[in-house]
Amino acid sequence: MNASTDAAPVYDVAIVGLGPAGATLANLLALRGLRIVVFEREADIYRLPRAIHIDGECMRVFQSVGIADELLPHLFVSPGMKFVDSGGKTLIDWSRPQEVGPQGWHPSYRFHQPQVEELLRARLARHPGVDVRLRHDVFALEPHGDRVELRVEESASGRLYRCAARYVVGCDGARSLVRRVMGTTLDDLQSHERWLVLDVLLKRERPDLGDHSIQFCDPARPATYVRGVGVRRRWELMLMPGDDAATITRPEAVWPLLAKWLTPDDATLERPAVYTFHSVVARGWRNGRMLIAGDAAHQTPPFMGQGMCAGIRDAANLAWKLADVLDGTAPPALLDTYESERSPHVREFIETAVRLGGVIQTTDVEAARRRDAEMAARPQVFSTPQPALGPGAHAGGVHGGRMSSQPVLANGDRLDDRVGYRHALVLLPALAAAARAALGDSVRVVAADDAALQAWLASMAAGAVLLRPDRYIAAVATDAQGLRAMAGLLGPVHGHEHRSLSAAVNPAAASLGSPLRQ
């Protein structure tokens, strides 16, 4: 990675923040050959645990980036989560399948965030067009007609300088500078509670703790147990009236709180920290050439383990759209579909986490007794939401805007590895000639000559499926006429001026670019 700041090129994209969302976005943009600069104020990765859950969709993004297989040995397949009352009776059972799921990966994994960040950064170092600048703090942004100028301080020397990029993406966390400069406000979903988060390293085997995550819905003190990777375990304890946030992280305060589960003889306290779990969604993810992603755009309580997952989804949705706009394939209005698609999607996860938090965070004894009597009699079986994207660059309907599954082919390859990081049309061999006539080489055509692919198409009653680079379905077709309609989705081809993907398949999305914001 080149940390030199002597030259002053205009980069395609400047990313502020090199956390998981920023590093994933940079990797995906680099796959498209763009010139990227990433600014990170810290000198190194934060080495203690933070996020600890990723899902199969995140693994699929990491597959595109090229780190999934390397990451896999460091993961633990999670059996799921249970909500129990103070007596141990199950209120909600959110068990997760132990088999590989439709994404081609398991539905739920535990991980250690520093390991993921190391792999993302190592992968980024392989791309010659990426300039990563550690200990460089962006303190101001100045939008211009065709670029954004960033004012930056090199922390080691105190030197101030300017840098320019055609687009800037703020992956700079909950207190995002980029979001403030954009003038974006936050929708408050009204869940803000303080919790003590305790990460420990076991000194000896404790199989009795179990592999399921447990939400202890005890009104005396709601708590959460999470089995991490290796010897890592986490407890989260809700702060109660009378707790002193300044002293509760001290070992002499922590161990009595953990006494019902383990003692200092069982584990070493790795990290105690008090967090306020927020629930907010930004209103305005794009302002001209500035955008936000990850915690800068939304924050969620941890009860679904979707905080980092949401940021990875942001990166996957935004990367190909930025690349298509920058290479002239699509107009800038395509970038407006980033928020219109992602905001309702992430909001559903956050609102669900808030509802689950309402179950566990009940501290009124009588209300908890009524809850337990109702729920323990007939425990709820919870399934992970599978929302479609909001209106945007897809056809909608039954399949458009939904995450595609990833068949595993007869030779063991996964579909995404076969199609690469681009739009792909998977179709029955009988439609191959019609696809070539309609689409030329504008999209990777994959003939369904494998039984798994044929079954996948049959499950959607489709002859052809157009996949976006983020693996969401853009549209389906049943015949040659449908393929000809798809020809308008992929930008200029064979000298004809085709409509953008968003305008062609979703007229409502086309209005998002009126007036066009450059």
Protein backbone atom coordinates (compact mmCIF):
# COMPACT_ATOMS: atom_id res chain seq x y z
CA MET A 1 0.00 0.00 0.00
CA ASN A 2 1.44 3.36 -1.01
CA ALA A 3 1.25 5.87 1.82
CA SER A 4 2.94 8.67 -0.11
CA THR A 5 1.07 11.98 -0.26
CA ASP A 6 3.51 13.83 -2.53
CA ALA A 7 1.44 13.50 -5.69
CA ALA A 8 -2.01 15.06 -5.92
CA PRO A 9 -4.10 12.93 -8.29
CA VAL A 10 -7.87 13.08 -8.48
CA TYR A 11 -8.95 9.68 -7.24
CA ASP A 12 -12.10 7.95 -8.40
CA VAL A 13 -13.28 7.35 -4.83
CA ALA A 14 -12.02 8.49 -1.44
CA ILE A 15 -13.17 6.38 1.51
CA VAL A 16 -13.05 7.85 4.99
CA GLY A 17 -12.61 5.02 7.47
CA LEU A 18 -10.95 1.61 7.11
CA GLY A 19 -13.20 -0.49 9.31
CA PRO A 20 -14.96 -3.58 7.91
CA ALA A 21 -17.40 -1.58 5.75
CA GLY A 22 -14.72 0.74 4.36
CA ALA A 23 -12.25 -2.08 3.71
CA THR A 24 -14.92 -4.19 2.00
CA LEU A 25 -16.00 -1.26 -0.19
CA ALA A 26 -12.40 -0.51 -1.14
CA ASN A 27 -11.79 -4.15 -2.10
CA LEU A 28 -14.90 -4.33 -4.27
CA LEU A 29 -14.10 -1.05 -6.03
CA ALA A 30 -10.56 -2.26 -6.62
CA LEU A 31 -11.95 -5.33 -8.40
CA ARG A 32 -13.32 -2.88 -10.96
CA GLY A 33 -9.91 -1.27 -11.45
CA LEU A 34 -10.76 2.09 -9.87
CA ARG A 35 -8.23 4.40 -8.23
CA ILE A 36 -9.06 4.45 -4.53
CA VAL A 37 -7.66 6.36 -1.56
CA VAL A 38 -8.62 5.34 1.97
CA PHE A 39 -8.03 7.55 5.02
CA GLU A 40 -7.92 6.01 8.49
CA ARG A 41 -7.16 8.08 11.57
CA GLU A 42 -5.87 5.12 13.61
CA ALA A 43 -2.43 3.57 13.19
CA ASP A 44 -3.59 -0.03 13.38
CA ILE A 45 -6.56 -2.35 13.65
CA TYR A 46 -8.35 -2.29 17.01
CA ARG A 47 -7.13 -5.60 18.42
CA LEU A 48 -9.90 -6.37 20.92
CA PRO A 49 -13.29 -7.98 20.14
CA ARG A 50 -16.14 -5.91 18.80
CA ALA A 51 -18.56 -7.38 16.23
CA ILE A 52 -18.76 -11.16 16.58
CA HIS A 53 -21.48 -12.33 14.14
CA ILE A 54 -21.65 -12.54 10.36
CA ASP A 55 -24.16 -14.35 8.18
CA GLY A 56 -24.10 -16.27 4.92
CA GLU A 57 -24.73 -13.14 2.86
CA CYS A 58 -21.64 -11.47 4.34
CA MET A 59 -19.62 -14.57 3.57
CA ARG A 60 -20.82 -14.32 0.01
CA VAL A 61 -19.52 -10.75 -0.20
CA PHE A 62 -16.22 -11.92 1.29
CA GLN A 63 -16.22 -14.63 -1.37
CA SER A 64 -16.37 -11.91 -4.03
CA VAL A 65 -13.57 -10.01 -2.28
CA GLY A 66 -11.47 -13.19 -2.14
CA ILE A 67 -11.08 -13.83 1.60
CA ALA A 68 -13.92 -16.25 2.42
CA ASP A 69 -11.96 -19.49 2.12
CA GLU A 70 -9.07 -18.04 4.12
CA LEU A 71 -11.45 -16.79 6.79
CA LEU A 72 -13.48 -19.99 7.10
CA PRO A 73 -11.06 -21.92 9.40
CA HIS A 74 -11.27 -19.06 11.91
CA LEU A 75 -15.07 -19.16 12.18
CA PHE A 76 -17.49 -21.05 14.40
CA VAL A 77 -20.84 -22.14 12.97
CA SER A 78 -23.46 -20.82 15.36
CA PRO A 79 -26.45 -23.01 16.31
CA GLY A 80 -28.51 -19.89 17.02
CA MET A 81 -30.04 -18.03 19.95
CA LYS A 82 -32.60 -18.65 22.67
CA PHE A 83 -34.50 -16.20 24.85
CA VAL A 84 -35.20 -17.59 28.32
CA ASP A 85 -36.98 -16.27 31.38
CA SER A 86 -35.43 -15.96 34.83
CA GLY A 87 -36.23 -19.61 35.49
CA GLY A 88 -34.64 -20.88 32.28
CA LYS A 89 -37.86 -21.54 30.33
CA THR A 90 -37.62 -20.83 26.61
CA LEU A 91 -39.55 -17.82 25.38
CA ILE A 92 -38.14 -17.57 21.85
CA ASP A 93 -36.19 -20.20 19.93
CA TRP A 94 -34.07 -18.79 17.12
CA SER A 95 -32.11 -21.87 16.14
CA ARG A 96 -30.02 -21.72 12.99
CA PRO A 97 -29.47 -24.61 10.57
CA GLN A 98 -26.14 -26.39 10.88
CA GLU A 99 -26.03 -27.22 7.18
CA VAL A 100 -24.72 -25.03 4.39
CA GLY A 101 -27.59 -22.76 3.37
CA PRO A 102 -28.91 -21.24 0.15
CA GLN A 103 -26.09 -18.68 0.06
CA GLY A 104 -23.54 -21.46 -0.33
CA TRP A 105 -22.40 -20.80 3.25
CA HIS A 106 -23.80 -21.47 6.70
CA PRO A 107 -26.49 -19.02 7.82
CA SER A 108 -24.68 -17.88 10.98
CA TYR A 109 -21.04 -17.65 12.06
CA ARG A 110 -19.14 -16.34 15.06
CA PHE A 111 -15.87 -14.58 14.32
CA HIS A 112 -13.14 -12.37 15.81
CA GLN A 113 -13.29 -8.95 14.15
CA PRO A 114 -9.53 -8.24 14.10
CA GLN A 115 -8.97 -11.40 12.03
CA VAL A 116 -11.53 -10.25 9.44
CA GLU A 117 -9.98 -6.80 9.26
CA GLU A 118 -6.48 -8.26 8.83
CA LEU A 119 -7.64 -10.35 5.87
CA LEU A 120 -9.49 -7.44 4.27
CA ARG A 121 -6.45 -5.20 4.56
CA ALA A 122 -4.07 -7.88 3.30
CA ARG A 123 -6.30 -8.40 0.28
CA LEU A 124 -6.43 -4.67 -0.31
CA ALA A 125 -2.64 -4.53 -0.37
CA ARG A 126 -2.67 -6.72 -3.48
CA HIS A 127 -4.44 -4.05 -5.53
CA PRO A 128 -2.00 -1.54 -7.07
CA GLY A 129 -4.68 1.11 -7.57
CA VAL A 130 -5.43 1.47 -3.84
CA ASP A 131 -3.70 4.07 -1.67
CA VAL A 132 -4.22 3.43 2.05
CA ARG A 133 -3.18 6.21 4.42
CA LEU A 134 -3.10 5.26 8.09
CA ARG A 135 -2.99 8.00 10.74
CA HIS A 136 -4.40 10.48 8.25
CA ASP A 137 -7.39 12.35 9.66
CA VAL A 138 -9.92 13.95 7.30
CA PHE A 139 -11.18 17.12 9.00
CA ALA A 140 -13.02 18.96 6.22
CA LEU A 141 -14.75 18.32 2.89
CA GLU A 142 -15.28 20.87 0.11
CA PRO A 143 -17.66 19.76 -2.68
CA HIS A 144 -17.04 21.07 -6.18
CA GLY A 145 -18.81 20.44 -9.46
CA ASP A 146 -16.79 17.45 -10.61
CA ARG A 147 -15.00 16.39 -7.44
CA VAL A 148 -14.79 16.70 -3.66
CA GLU A 149 -11.69 18.11 -1.99
CA LEU A 150 -10.70 16.59 1.32
CA ARG A 151 -8.57 18.43 3.85
CA VAL A 152 -6.41 16.00 5.74
CA GLU A 153 -3.95 16.01 8.63
CA GLU A 154 -1.08 13.54 8.65
CA SER A 155 -1.07 12.81 12.36
CA ALA A 156 2.56 11.69 12.62
CA SER A 157 3.92 15.01 11.37
CA GLY A 158 1.00 17.41 11.76
CA ARG A 159 1.25 18.24 8.06
CA LEU A 160 -1.97 19.49 6.46
CA TYR A 161 -2.76 18.80 2.82
CA ARG A 162 -5.56 18.51 0.29
CA CYS A 163 -6.71 15.53 -1.74
CA ALA A 164 -9.44 15.27 -4.38
CA ALA A 165 -11.76 12.49 -5.48
CA ARG A 166 -14.72 12.24 -7.81
CA TYR A 167 -16.78 10.67 -5.01
CA VAL A 168 -16.31 10.42 -1.24
CA VAL A 169 -17.85 7.69 0.93
CA GLY A 170 -17.96 8.15 4.69
CA CYS A 171 -17.44 4.83 6.45
CA ASP A 172 -16.40 6.84 9.47
CA GLY A 173 -18.71 5.50 12.12
CA ALA A 174 -21.54 6.73 14.30
CA ARG A 175 -20.05 10.22 14.70
CA SER A 176 -19.41 10.54 10.97
CA LEU A 177 -17.83 13.77 9.74
CA VAL A 178 -19.01 13.01 6.21
CA ARG A 179 -22.62 12.68 7.40
CA ARG A 180 -22.41 16.04 9.20
CA VAL A 181 -20.98 17.79 6.14
CA MET A 182 -23.76 16.27 4.02
CA GLY A 183 -26.33 17.75 6.39
CA THR A 184 -27.96 14.36 6.89
CA THR A 185 -30.31 13.87 9.84
CA LEU A 186 -31.09 10.67 11.74
CA ASP A 187 -34.45 8.98 12.27
CA ASP A 188 -34.53 7.86 15.90
CA LEU A 189 -36.22 4.47 16.40
CA GLN A 190 -36.39 5.09 20.15
CA SER A 191 -34.17 2.41 21.65
CA HIS A 192 -31.14 3.69 23.58
CA GLU A 193 -29.99 1.58 26.50
CA ARG A 194 -26.64 1.29 28.27
CA TRP A 195 -25.08 -2.14 28.59
CA LEU A 196 -21.86 -3.50 30.06
CA VAL A 197 -20.05 -5.67 27.49
CA LEU A 198 -17.57 -8.20 28.91
CA ASP A 199 -15.25 -10.26 26.71
CA VAL A 200 -13.35 -13.07 28.40
CA LEU A 201 -10.84 -15.77 27.46
CA LEU A 202 -11.53 -19.17 29.01
CA LYS A 203 -8.68 -20.80 30.90
CA ARG A 204 -10.28 -24.24 30.78
CA GLU A 205 -13.04 -26.06 28.91
CA ARG A 206 -16.57 -25.02 29.87
CA PRO A 207 -18.92 -27.05 27.65
CA ASP A 208 -21.71 -26.42 30.15
CA LEU A 209 -21.91 -22.81 28.95
CA GLY A 210 -23.21 -24.10 25.63
CA ASP A 211 -22.86 -22.99 22.03
CA HIS A 212 -26.21 -21.20 21.66
CA SER A 213 -26.36 -17.51 22.41
CA ILE A 214 -28.70 -16.96 25.34
CA GLN A 215 -30.77 -13.88 26.06
CA PHE A 216 -31.54 -13.99 29.80
CA CYS A 217 -34.84 -12.10 30.09
CA ASP A 218 -34.47 -11.50 33.82
CA PRO A 219 -36.08 -8.26 35.01
CA ALA A 220 -33.54 -8.06 37.84
CA ARG A 221 -30.79 -7.59 35.23
CA PRO A 222 -31.26 -8.57 31.58
CA ALA A 223 -28.16 -10.29 30.20
CA THR A 224 -26.76 -11.94 27.09
CA TYR A 225 -24.28 -14.79 26.68
CA VAL A 226 -22.48 -15.33 23.36
CA ARG A 227 -20.15 -18.17 22.48
CA GLY A 228 -17.28 -16.74 20.43
CA VAL A 229 -14.54 -18.44 18.47
CA GLY A 230 -11.97 -20.58 20.27
CA VAL A 231 -11.85 -19.71 23.97
CA ARG A 232 -13.62 -16.39 23.54
CA ARG A 233 -16.90 -15.81 25.35
CA ARG A 234 -18.98 -12.66 25.82
CA TRP A 235 -21.51 -11.49 28.38
CA GLU A 236 -23.58 -8.34 27.99
CA LEU A 237 -25.30 -7.02 31.11
CA MET A 238 -27.86 -4.23 31.09
CA LEU A 239 -27.00 -1.31 33.35
CA MET A 240 -29.59 -0.83 36.06
CA PRO A 241 -30.53 2.17 38.20
CA GLY A 242 -27.80 2.70 40.76
CA ASP A 243 -25.01 1.30 38.59
CA ASP A 244 -21.99 3.56 38.24
CA ALA A 245 -20.78 3.42 34.64
CA ALA A 246 -17.41 4.83 35.70
CA THR A 247 -16.61 1.99 38.10
CA ILE A 248 -18.64 -0.99 36.87
CA THR A 249 -15.90 -1.95 34.39
CA ARG A 250 -13.37 -2.54 37.18
CA PRO A 251 -12.54 -6.22 37.85
CA GLU A 252 -13.80 -6.01 41.43
CA ALA A 253 -17.19 -4.96 40.04
CA VAL A 254 -17.23 -7.28 37.03
CA TRP A 255 -16.57 -10.65 38.65
CA PRO A 256 -19.50 -10.52 41.11
CA LEU A 257 -21.77 -9.82 38.12
CA LEU A 258 -20.42 -12.91 36.33
CA ALA A 259 -20.43 -15.14 39.40
CA LYS A 260 -23.47 -17.19 38.34
CA TRP A 261 -21.58 -18.29 35.21
CA LEU A 262 -17.84 -18.27 35.94
CA THR A 263 -15.06 -17.03 38.24
CA PRO A 264 -11.55 -15.63 37.75
CA ASP A 265 -10.32 -19.23 37.95
CA ASP A 266 -12.28 -19.99 34.77
CA ALA A 267 -11.38 -17.03 32.57
CA THR A 268 -9.34 -13.89 32.00
CA LEU A 269 -11.18 -10.64 31.53
CA GLU A 270 -10.10 -9.35 28.12
CA ARG A 271 -12.25 -6.28 27.63
CA PRO A 272 -14.87 -4.56 29.77
CA ALA A 273 -16.71 -1.63 28.18
CA VAL A 274 -19.97 0.28 28.62
CA TYR A 275 -21.91 0.86 25.40
CA THR A 276 -25.13 2.64 24.60
CA PHE A 277 -27.05 0.54 22.09
CA HIS A 278 -28.62 2.95 19.58
CA SER A 279 -31.30 2.49 16.92
CA VAL A 280 -31.14 5.13 14.18
CA VAL A 281 -31.35 5.31 10.39
CA ALA A 282 -29.99 8.26 8.42
CA ARG A 283 -32.33 10.18 6.15
CA GLY A 284 -30.17 11.10 3.16
CA TRP A 285 -27.38 8.64 2.32
CA ARG A 286 -26.21 10.69 -0.65
CA ASN A 287 -25.64 14.39 -1.19
CA GLY A 288 -24.14 15.00 -4.63
CA ARG A 289 -20.74 13.35 -4.67
CA MET A 290 -20.73 12.43 -0.98
CA LEU A 291 -22.25 9.23 0.44
CA ILE A 292 -22.26 7.36 3.75
CA ALA A 293 -22.22 3.66 4.68
CA GLY A 294 -22.08 1.43 7.75
CA ASP A 295 -22.57 3.00 11.19
CA ALA A 296 -22.51 6.43 9.57
CA ALA A 297 -25.82 5.51 7.90
CA HIS A 298 -27.49 3.36 10.56
CA GLN A 299 -26.99 1.89 14.04
CA THR A 300 -28.76 -1.07 15.58
CA PRO A 301 -29.06 -2.75 18.96
CA PRO A 302 -27.09 -6.03 18.94
CA PHE A 303 -29.97 -8.42 19.54
CA MET A 304 -29.89 -9.78 15.97
CA GLY A 305 -26.12 -9.57 15.45
CA GLN A 306 -26.64 -7.51 12.30
CA GLY A 307 -24.59 -4.37 12.95
CA MET A 308 -21.52 -5.23 10.90
CA CYS A 309 -23.56 -7.32 8.47
CA ALA A 310 -25.53 -4.21 7.53
CA GLY A 311 -22.34 -2.30 6.75
CA ILE A 312 -21.07 -5.12 4.55
CA ARG A 313 -24.40 -5.09 2.67
CA ASP A 314 -24.04 -1.34 2.19
CA ALA A 315 -20.61 -1.81 0.64
CA ALA A 316 -21.85 -4.55 -1.69
CA ASN A 317 -24.83 -2.47 -2.84
CA LEU A 318 -22.86 0.72 -3.38
CA ALA A 319 -19.63 -0.57 -4.94
CA TRP A 320 -20.94 -1.73 -8.30
CA LYS A 321 -23.16 1.34 -8.66
CA LEU A 322 -20.24 3.69 -8.08
CA ALA A 323 -18.14 1.70 -10.55
CA ASP A 324 -20.87 1.78 -13.22
CA VAL A 325 -21.32 5.53 -12.80
CA LEU A 326 -17.59 6.20 -12.88
CA ASP A 327 -17.00 4.17 -16.03
CA GLY A 328 -19.96 5.79 -17.80
CA THR A 329 -22.15 2.70 -17.92
CA ALA A 330 -24.85 4.34 -15.79
CA PRO A 331 -25.92 7.91 -14.96
CA PRO A 332 -25.31 9.44 -11.51
CA ALA A 333 -29.02 8.90 -10.70
CA LEU A 334 -28.23 5.22 -10.20
CA LEU A 335 -26.55 6.21 -6.93
CA ASP A 336 -29.90 7.36 -5.55
CA THR A 337 -31.05 3.73 -5.63
CA TYR A 338 -28.45 2.98 -2.97
CA GLU A 339 -30.53 4.58 -0.23
CA SER A 340 -33.92 3.70 -1.72
CA GLU A 341 -32.92 0.01 -1.74
CA ARG A 342 -30.87 -0.25 1.44
CA SER A 343 -32.74 2.04 3.85
CA PRO A 344 -36.01 0.03 4.10
CA HIS A 345 -33.99 -3.21 4.12
CA VAL A 346 -31.78 -2.22 7.06
CA ARG A 347 -34.71 -0.56 8.82
CA GLU A 348 -36.55 -3.90 8.94
CA PHE A 349 -33.59 -5.52 10.68
CA ILE A 350 -33.21 -2.64 13.14
CA GLU A 351 -36.92 -2.53 13.96
CA THR A 352 -36.88 -6.30 14.53
CA ALA A 353 -33.85 -5.92 16.82
CA VAL A 354 -35.71 -3.21 18.74
CA ARG A 355 -38.72 -5.53 19.17
CA LEU A 356 -36.50 -8.35 20.40
CA GLY A 357 -34.79 -5.88 22.69
CA GLY A 358 -38.20 -5.02 24.11
CA VAL A 359 -38.56 -8.65 25.18
CA ILE A 360 -35.20 -8.92 26.90
CA GLN A 361 -35.02 -5.39 28.34
CA THR A 362 -38.26 -5.61 30.33
CA THR A 363 -37.36 -4.67 33.91
CA ASP A 364 -40.84 -4.23 35.37
CA VAL A 365 -41.44 -7.37 37.42
CA GLU A 366 -45.19 -7.58 36.78
CA ALA A 367 -44.77 -6.92 33.05
CA ALA A 368 -42.09 -9.63 32.92
CA ARG A 369 -44.37 -12.08 34.73
CA ARG A 370 -47.13 -11.47 32.18
CA ARG A 371 -44.66 -11.83 29.32
CA ASP A 372 -43.31 -15.11 30.69
CA ALA A 373 -46.78 -16.56 31.28
CA GLU A 374 -47.80 -15.79 27.72
CA MET A 375 -44.61 -16.72 25.88
CA ALA A 376 -43.38 -19.70 27.90
CA ALA A 377 -46.70 -21.49 27.39
CA ARG A 378 -46.15 -21.43 23.63
CA PRO A 379 -42.51 -20.52 22.87
CA GLN A 380 -42.12 -18.61 19.64
CA VAL A 381 -39.99 -20.02 16.84
CA PHE A 382 -38.22 -17.09 15.24
CA SER A 383 -36.85 -17.01 11.71
CA THR A 384 -34.38 -14.50 10.30
CA PRO A 385 -36.12 -11.81 8.23
CA GLN A 386 -35.49 -12.00 4.48
CA PRO A 387 -36.66 -8.59 3.25
CA ALA A 388 -36.49 -7.51 -0.36
CA LEU A 389 -34.64 -4.36 -1.29
CA GLY A 390 -36.64 -1.16 -1.53
CA PRO A 391 -37.45 0.33 -4.95
CA GLY A 392 -34.43 0.74 -7.18
CA ALA A 393 -32.29 -1.07 -9.71
CA HIS A 394 -34.41 -4.17 -10.06
CA ALA A 395 -37.75 -5.27 -11.48
CA GLY A 396 -39.47 -5.91 -8.16
CA GLY A 397 -42.20 -8.50 -8.09
CA VAL A 398 -41.68 -11.94 -6.62
CA HIS A 399 -37.96 -12.21 -7.36
CA GLY A 400 -36.57 -8.80 -8.30
CA GLY A 401 -34.68 -7.15 -5.45
CA ARG A 402 -34.24 -10.36 -3.50
CA MET A 403 -30.95 -12.03 -2.69
CA SER A 404 -30.35 -14.93 -5.02
CA SER A 405 -29.32 -18.30 -3.73
CA GLN A 406 -25.93 -19.67 -4.79
CA PRO A 407 -26.05 -23.18 -6.23
CA VAL A 408 -23.01 -25.39 -5.83
CA LEU A 409 -22.17 -26.93 -9.19
CA ALA A 410 -21.40 -30.56 -9.89
CA ASN A 411 -17.65 -29.88 -9.93
CA GLY A 412 -17.86 -28.24 -6.48
CA ASP A 413 -17.63 -24.65 -7.73
CA ARG A 414 -19.97 -22.04 -6.34
CA LEU A 415 -22.00 -20.00 -8.82
CA ASP A 416 -20.43 -16.65 -7.89
CA ASP A 417 -16.94 -17.91 -8.65
CA ARG A 418 -18.11 -18.93 -12.09
CA VAL A 419 -19.75 -15.62 -12.98
CA GLY A 420 -17.19 -13.24 -11.44
CA TYR A 421 -17.80 -9.75 -10.08
CA ARG A 422 -20.11 -8.39 -12.76
CA HIS A 423 -23.67 -8.60 -14.00
CA ALA A 424 -24.42 -12.15 -15.05
CA LEU A 425 -27.23 -13.78 -16.97
CA VAL A 426 -27.86 -17.39 -16.01
CA LEU A 427 -30.11 -19.10 -18.55
CA LEU A 428 -31.24 -22.35 -20.05
CA PRO A 429 -29.01 -23.43 -22.96
CA ALA A 430 -31.96 -23.13 -25.36
CA LEU A 431 -31.98 -19.36 -24.77
CA ALA A 432 -28.24 -18.82 -25.33
CA ALA A 433 -28.55 -17.72 -28.97
CA ALA A 434 -31.35 -15.28 -28.13
CA ALA A 435 -29.22 -13.87 -25.29
CA ARG A 436 -26.26 -13.29 -27.58
CA ALA A 437 -28.48 -11.55 -30.11
CA ALA A 438 -30.12 -9.34 -27.50
CA LEU A 439 -27.22 -8.60 -25.16
CA GLY A 440 -23.97 -9.23 -27.02
CA ASP A 441 -21.07 -9.14 -24.58
CA SER A 442 -22.65 -6.62 -22.19
CA VAL A 443 -23.11 -9.27 -19.52
CA ARG A 444 -21.52 -12.55 -18.59
CA VAL A 445 -23.78 -15.31 -19.93
CA VAL A 446 -23.75 -18.56 -17.97
CA ALA A 447 -25.56 -21.49 -19.57
CA ALA A 448 -27.39 -23.64 -17.04
CA ASP A 449 -25.75 -26.86 -18.21
CA ASP A 450 -25.54 -28.10 -14.64
CA ALA A 451 -28.37 -29.85 -12.82
CA ALA A 452 -28.05 -27.51 -9.84
CA LEU A 453 -28.43 -24.44 -12.05
CA GLN A 454 -31.37 -25.96 -13.89
CA ALA A 455 -33.09 -26.72 -10.60
CA TRP A 456 -32.38 -23.17 -9.43
CA LEU A 457 -34.04 -21.69 -12.52
CA ALA A 458 -36.96 -24.10 -12.22
CA SER A 459 -37.52 -23.00 -8.61
CA MET A 460 -38.30 -19.53 -9.97
CA ALA A 461 -40.16 -20.79 -13.08
CA ALA A 462 -37.57 -18.82 -15.05
CA GLY A 463 -35.65 -19.42 -18.24
CA ALA A 464 -33.13 -16.73 -17.39
CA VAL A 465 -32.12 -14.73 -14.30
CA LEU A 466 -30.15 -11.49 -14.41
CA LEU A 467 -27.90 -11.20 -11.36
CA ARG A 468 -26.35 -7.98 -10.18
CA PRO A 469 -22.74 -7.92 -8.95
CA ASP A 470 -24.04 -7.81 -5.36
CA ARG A 471 -25.85 -11.11 -6.13
CA TYR A 472 -29.33 -9.64 -5.84
CA ILE A 473 -31.74 -10.50 -8.63
CA ALA A 474 -32.32 -7.67 -11.12
CA ALA A 475 -34.94 -9.44 -13.23
CA VAL A 476 -36.12 -12.81 -14.50
CA ALA A 477 -37.30 -13.84 -17.97
CA THR A 478 -39.05 -16.87 -19.33
CA ASP A 479 -38.35 -16.53 -23.07
CA ALA A 480 -36.54 -14.63 -25.83
CA GLN A 481 -38.95 -11.71 -25.61
CA GLY A 482 -38.09 -11.29 -21.95
CA LEU A 483 -34.40 -11.36 -22.82
CA ARG A 484 -34.88 -8.56 -25.32
CA ALA A 485 -36.53 -6.51 -22.60
CA MET A 486 -33.45 -7.09 -20.43
CA ALA A 487 -31.25 -5.52 -23.12
CA GLY A 488 -32.22 -2.09 -21.82
CA LEU A 489 -30.85 -2.79 -18.36
CA LEU A 490 -27.14 -2.74 -18.95
CA GLY A 491 -26.12 0.62 -20.38
CA PRO A 492 -24.70 1.43 -23.84
CA VAL A 493 -24.22 -1.74 -25.89
CA HIS A 494 -23.37 -2.14 -29.58
CA GLY A 495 -23.67 1.61 -30.12
CA HIS A 496 -27.30 1.76 -28.97
CA GLU A 497 -28.19 4.09 -26.11
CA HIS A 498 -29.88 1.87 -23.56
CA ARG A 499 -31.58 3.06 -20.43
CA SER A 500 -29.97 2.66 -17.04
CA LEU A 501 -30.80 -0.41 -15.01
CA SER A 502 -32.89 1.58 -12.53
CA ALA A 503 -34.92 3.40 -15.16
CA ALA A 504 -35.44 0.34 -17.33
CA VAL A 505 -36.72 -2.13 -14.77
CA ASN A 506 -38.34 0.10 -12.20
CA PRO A 507 -40.00 3.30 -13.45
CA ALA A 508 -40.52 4.45 -9.87
CA ALA A 509 -36.78 4.32 -9.32
CA ALA A 510 -36.16 6.46 -12.39
CA SER A 511 -37.87 9.38 -10.69
CA LEU A 512 -35.26 9.25 -7.93
CA GLY A 513 -32.85 10.99 -10.28
CA SER A 514 -35.12 13.99 -10.99
CA PRO A 515 -33.37 16.33 -10.94
CA LEU A 516 -30.11 14.47 -11.47
CA ARG A 517 -27.63 15.10 -8.68
CA GLN A 518 -24.04 15.11 -9.96
